[in-house]
Amino acid sequence: MRVGNDIVDVKRFLELVSNKRFLDRVFLEDEQQNILSQKDKQKRAERMAGRFSAKEAVAKALGLGISGGVDFLSICILPDEFGAPKVKLSGEALNVFNKLKAKEIELSISNTDSFATAVCVII
């Protein structure tokens, strides 16, 4: 079992919700649509911060972190039909997951108006 955890300050993301260059570097198109579907700027920032924190937590659980060969776009975080966050890996992130002979990824995201945090468990 492997665990990753991350926490971010939501204020950092208030300006970034309008930054297309940042969005394209960190989030896939489906993720961007999910984030930008929030009408309120504060809620968009909270959702973006949560997804960002989740990607960091997944990368840490994989054992590499974002700078260790896994990039943001190889980790996709989208809600399932009940709203629970689900992880889809591609590229190097998927390669690492397979090398670990892992079977499952569980993810939890929480936030307040000030902070967003995520915990990832890879089994």
C-alpha atoms as a PDB file:
ATOM      1  CA  MET A   1       0.000   0.000   0.000  1.00  0.00           C
ATOM      2  CA  ARG A   2       1.199   3.517  -0.836  1.00  0.00           C
ATOM      3  CA  VAL A   3      -0.163   6.840   0.460  1.00  0.00           C
ATOM      4  CA  GLY A   4       0.128  10.398  -0.860  1.00  0.00           C
ATOM      5  CA  ASN A   5      -1.175  13.590   0.742  1.00  0.00           C
ATOM      6  CA  ASP A   6      -1.205  17.247  -0.276  1.00  0.00           C
ATOM      7  CA  ILE A   7      -2.669  20.554   0.883  1.00  0.00           C
ATOM      8  CA  VAL A   8      -2.830  23.890  -0.953  1.00  0.00           C
ATOM      9  CA  ASP A   9      -3.978  27.429  -0.255  1.00  0.00           C
ATOM     10  CA  VAL A  10      -7.140  28.202  -2.271  1.00  0.00           C
ATOM     11  CA  LYS A  11      -6.149  31.898  -2.566  1.00  0.00           C
ATOM     12  CA  ARG A  12      -3.331  30.862  -4.935  1.00  0.00           C
ATOM     13  CA  PHE A  13      -5.946  29.637  -7.391  1.00  0.00           C
ATOM     14  CA  LEU A  14      -8.250  32.676  -7.421  1.00  0.00           C
ATOM     15  CA  GLU A  15      -6.168  34.344 -10.159  1.00  0.00           C
ATOM     16  CA  LEU A  16      -5.311  31.071 -11.877  1.00  0.00           C
ATOM     17  CA  VAL A  17      -8.935  30.161 -12.720  1.00  0.00           C
ATOM     18  CA  SER A  18      -8.713  32.661 -15.593  1.00  0.00           C
ATOM     19  CA  ASN A  19      -5.187  31.712 -16.686  1.00  0.00           C
ATOM     20  CA  LYS A  20      -5.619  29.539 -19.793  1.00  0.00           C
ATOM     21  CA  ARG A  21      -1.891  28.782 -19.996  1.00  0.00           C
ATOM     22  CA  PHE A  22      -1.900  27.374 -16.446  1.00  0.00           C
ATOM     23  CA  LEU A  23      -5.126  25.439 -17.059  1.00  0.00           C
ATOM     24  CA  ASP A  24      -3.699  23.842 -20.217  1.00  0.00           C
ATOM     25  CA  ARG A  25      -0.450  22.899 -18.443  1.00  0.00           C
ATOM     26  CA  VAL A  26      -2.164  21.234 -15.462  1.00  0.00           C
ATOM     27  CA  PHE A  27      -5.652  20.087 -16.476  1.00  0.00           C
ATOM     28  CA  LEU A  28      -7.051  18.046 -19.359  1.00  0.00           C
ATOM     29  CA  GLU A  29      -9.996  19.498 -21.299  1.00  0.00           C
ATOM     30  CA  ASP A  30     -12.627  17.456 -19.402  1.00  0.00           C
ATOM     31  CA  GLU A  31     -11.113  18.560 -16.090  1.00  0.00           C
ATOM     32  CA  GLN A  32     -11.143  22.200 -17.186  1.00  0.00           C
ATOM     33  CA  GLN A  33     -14.807  21.946 -18.153  1.00  0.00           C
ATOM     34  CA  ASN A  34     -15.598  20.421 -14.756  1.00  0.00           C
ATOM     35  CA  ILE A  35     -13.747  23.197 -12.910  1.00  0.00           C
ATOM     36  CA  LEU A  36     -15.170  26.028 -15.022  1.00  0.00           C
ATOM     37  CA  SER A  37     -18.729  24.688 -14.699  1.00  0.00           C
ATOM     38  CA  GLN A  38     -18.825  26.347 -11.284  1.00  0.00           C
ATOM     39  CA  LYS A  39     -20.409  29.791 -11.742  1.00  0.00           C
ATOM     40  CA  ASP A  40     -18.854  31.412  -8.660  1.00  0.00           C
ATOM     41  CA  LYS A  41     -15.146  32.332  -8.942  1.00  0.00           C
ATOM     42  CA  GLN A  42     -14.448  31.271  -5.341  1.00  0.00           C
ATOM     43  CA  LYS A  43     -16.072  27.869  -5.940  1.00  0.00           C
ATOM     44  CA  ARG A  44     -14.076  27.456  -9.172  1.00  0.00           C
ATOM     45  CA  ALA A  45     -10.880  28.217  -7.247  1.00  0.00           C
ATOM     46  CA  GLU A  46     -11.832  25.695  -4.538  1.00  0.00           C
ATOM     47  CA  ARG A  47     -12.510  22.994  -7.117  1.00  0.00           C
ATOM     48  CA  MET A  48      -9.307  23.772  -8.999  1.00  0.00           C
ATOM     49  CA  ALA A  49      -7.276  23.715  -5.782  1.00  0.00           C
ATOM     50  CA  GLY A  50      -8.804  20.376  -4.815  1.00  0.00           C
ATOM     51  CA  ARG A  51      -8.026  18.812  -8.192  1.00  0.00           C
ATOM     52  CA  PHE A  52      -4.490  20.231  -8.121  1.00  0.00           C
ATOM     53  CA  SER A  53      -3.940  18.852  -4.616  1.00  0.00           C
ATOM     54  CA  ALA A  54      -5.326  15.487  -5.754  1.00  0.00           C
ATOM     55  CA  LYS A  55      -2.886  15.275  -8.663  1.00  0.00           C
ATOM     56  CA  GLU A  56      -0.009  16.024  -6.277  1.00  0.00           C
ATOM     57  CA  ALA A  57      -1.252  13.380  -3.816  1.00  0.00           C
ATOM     58  CA  VAL A  58      -1.498  10.748  -6.576  1.00  0.00           C
ATOM     59  CA  ALA A  59       2.011  11.580  -7.842  1.00  0.00           C
ATOM     60  CA  LYS A  60       3.365  11.286  -4.294  1.00  0.00           C
ATOM     61  CA  ALA A  61       1.623   7.940  -3.781  1.00  0.00           C
ATOM     62  CA  LEU A  62       3.211   6.713  -7.013  1.00  0.00           C
ATOM     63  CA  GLY A  63       6.538   7.523  -5.363  1.00  0.00           C
ATOM     64  CA  LEU A  64       7.812  10.107  -7.830  1.00  0.00           C
ATOM     65  CA  GLY A  65       6.024  13.403  -7.363  1.00  0.00           C
ATOM     66  CA  ILE A  66       5.248  15.630 -10.320  1.00  0.00           C
ATOM     67  CA  SER A  67       8.896  16.383 -11.053  1.00  0.00           C
ATOM     68  CA  GLY A  68       9.909  12.730 -10.977  1.00  0.00           C
ATOM     69  CA  GLY A  69       8.769  11.877 -14.504  1.00  0.00           C
ATOM     70  CA  VAL A  70       5.026  12.011 -13.921  1.00  0.00           C
ATOM     71  CA  ASP A  71       3.355  15.148 -15.257  1.00  0.00           C
ATOM     72  CA  PHE A  72       0.041  16.756 -14.365  1.00  0.00           C
ATOM     73  CA  LEU A  73      -1.615  15.740 -17.624  1.00  0.00           C
ATOM     74  CA  SER A  74      -0.923  12.038 -17.028  1.00  0.00           C
ATOM     75  CA  ILE A  75      -3.228  12.177 -13.970  1.00  0.00           C
ATOM     76  CA  CYS A  76      -6.899  12.909 -14.634  1.00  0.00           C
ATOM     77  CA  ILE A  77      -9.270  13.632 -11.737  1.00  0.00           C
ATOM     78  CA  LEU A  78     -12.997  13.670 -12.526  1.00  0.00           C
ATOM     79  CA  PRO A  79     -16.092  12.921 -10.453  1.00  0.00           C
ATOM     80  CA  ASP A  80     -18.008   9.686 -10.895  1.00  0.00           C
ATOM     81  CA  GLU A  81     -21.812   9.638 -11.220  1.00  0.00           C
ATOM     82  CA  PHE A  82     -22.137  10.225  -7.468  1.00  0.00           C
ATOM     83  CA  GLY A  83     -19.601  13.070  -7.332  1.00  0.00           C
ATOM     84  CA  ALA A  84     -16.752  11.038  -5.803  1.00  0.00           C
ATOM     85  CA  PRO A  85     -13.340  11.821  -7.343  1.00  0.00           C
ATOM     86  CA  LYS A  86     -11.916   9.128  -9.597  1.00  0.00           C
ATOM     87  CA  VAL A  87      -8.405   8.844 -10.996  1.00  0.00           C
ATOM     88  CA  LYS A  88      -7.496   7.909 -14.547  1.00  0.00           C
ATOM     89  CA  LEU A  89      -3.807   7.515 -15.345  1.00  0.00           C
ATOM     90  CA  SER A  90      -1.975   7.661 -18.663  1.00  0.00           C
ATOM     91  CA  GLY A  91       1.614   7.930 -19.886  1.00  0.00           C
ATOM     92  CA  GLU A  92       4.374   7.623 -17.298  1.00  0.00           C
ATOM     93  CA  ALA A  93       1.903   7.689 -14.381  1.00  0.00           C
ATOM     94  CA  LEU A  94       0.205   4.569 -15.754  1.00  0.00           C
ATOM     95  CA  ASN A  95       3.592   2.927 -16.394  1.00  0.00           C
ATOM     96  CA  VAL A  96       4.626   3.492 -12.778  1.00  0.00           C
ATOM     97  CA  PHE A  97       1.257   2.224 -11.483  1.00  0.00           C
ATOM     98  CA  ASN A  98       1.672  -0.961 -13.536  1.00  0.00           C
ATOM     99  CA  LYS A  99       5.296  -1.440 -12.384  1.00  0.00           C
ATOM    100  CA  LEU A 100       4.049  -1.283  -8.794  1.00  0.00           C
ATOM    101  CA  LYS A 101       1.637  -4.100  -9.669  1.00  0.00           C
ATOM    102  CA  ALA A 102      -1.041  -1.982  -8.026  1.00  0.00           C
ATOM    103  CA  LYS A 103      -4.701  -2.847  -8.386  1.00  0.00           C
ATOM    104  CA  GLU A 104      -6.642   0.181  -7.213  1.00  0.00           C
ATOM    105  CA  ILE A 105      -6.463   3.910  -6.461  1.00  0.00           C
ATOM    106  CA  GLU A 106      -8.663   5.554  -3.848  1.00  0.00           C
ATOM    107  CA  LEU A 107      -8.825   9.331  -3.538  1.00  0.00           C
ATOM    108  CA  SER A 108     -10.452  11.777  -1.162  1.00  0.00           C
ATOM    109  CA  ILE A 109     -10.585  15.560  -1.659  1.00  0.00           C
ATOM    110  CA  SER A 110     -11.742  18.077   0.946  1.00  0.00           C
ATOM    111  CA  ASN A 111     -11.742  21.846   1.057  1.00  0.00           C
ATOM    112  CA  THR A 112     -12.754  24.937   2.945  1.00  0.00           C
ATOM    113  CA  ASP A 113     -12.824  28.400   1.424  1.00  0.00           C
ATOM    114  CA  SER A 114      -9.136  28.703   2.445  1.00  0.00           C
ATOM    115  CA  PHE A 115      -7.541  25.280   1.946  1.00  0.00           C
ATOM    116  CA  ALA A 116      -7.915  22.186  -0.221  1.00  0.00           C
ATOM    117  CA  THR A 117      -6.444  18.824   0.663  1.00  0.00           C
ATOM    118  CA  ALA A 118      -6.324  15.388  -0.899  1.00  0.00           C
ATOM    119  CA  VAL A 119      -5.308  11.918   0.229  1.00  0.00           C
ATOM    120  CA  CYS A 120      -4.527   9.103  -2.194  1.00  0.00           C
ATOM    121  CA  VAL A 121      -4.144   5.425  -1.343  1.00  0.00           C
ATOM    122  CA  ILE A 122      -2.785   3.002  -3.906  1.00  0.00           C
ATOM    123  CA  ILE A 123      -3.390  -0.673  -3.187  1.00  0.00           C
END
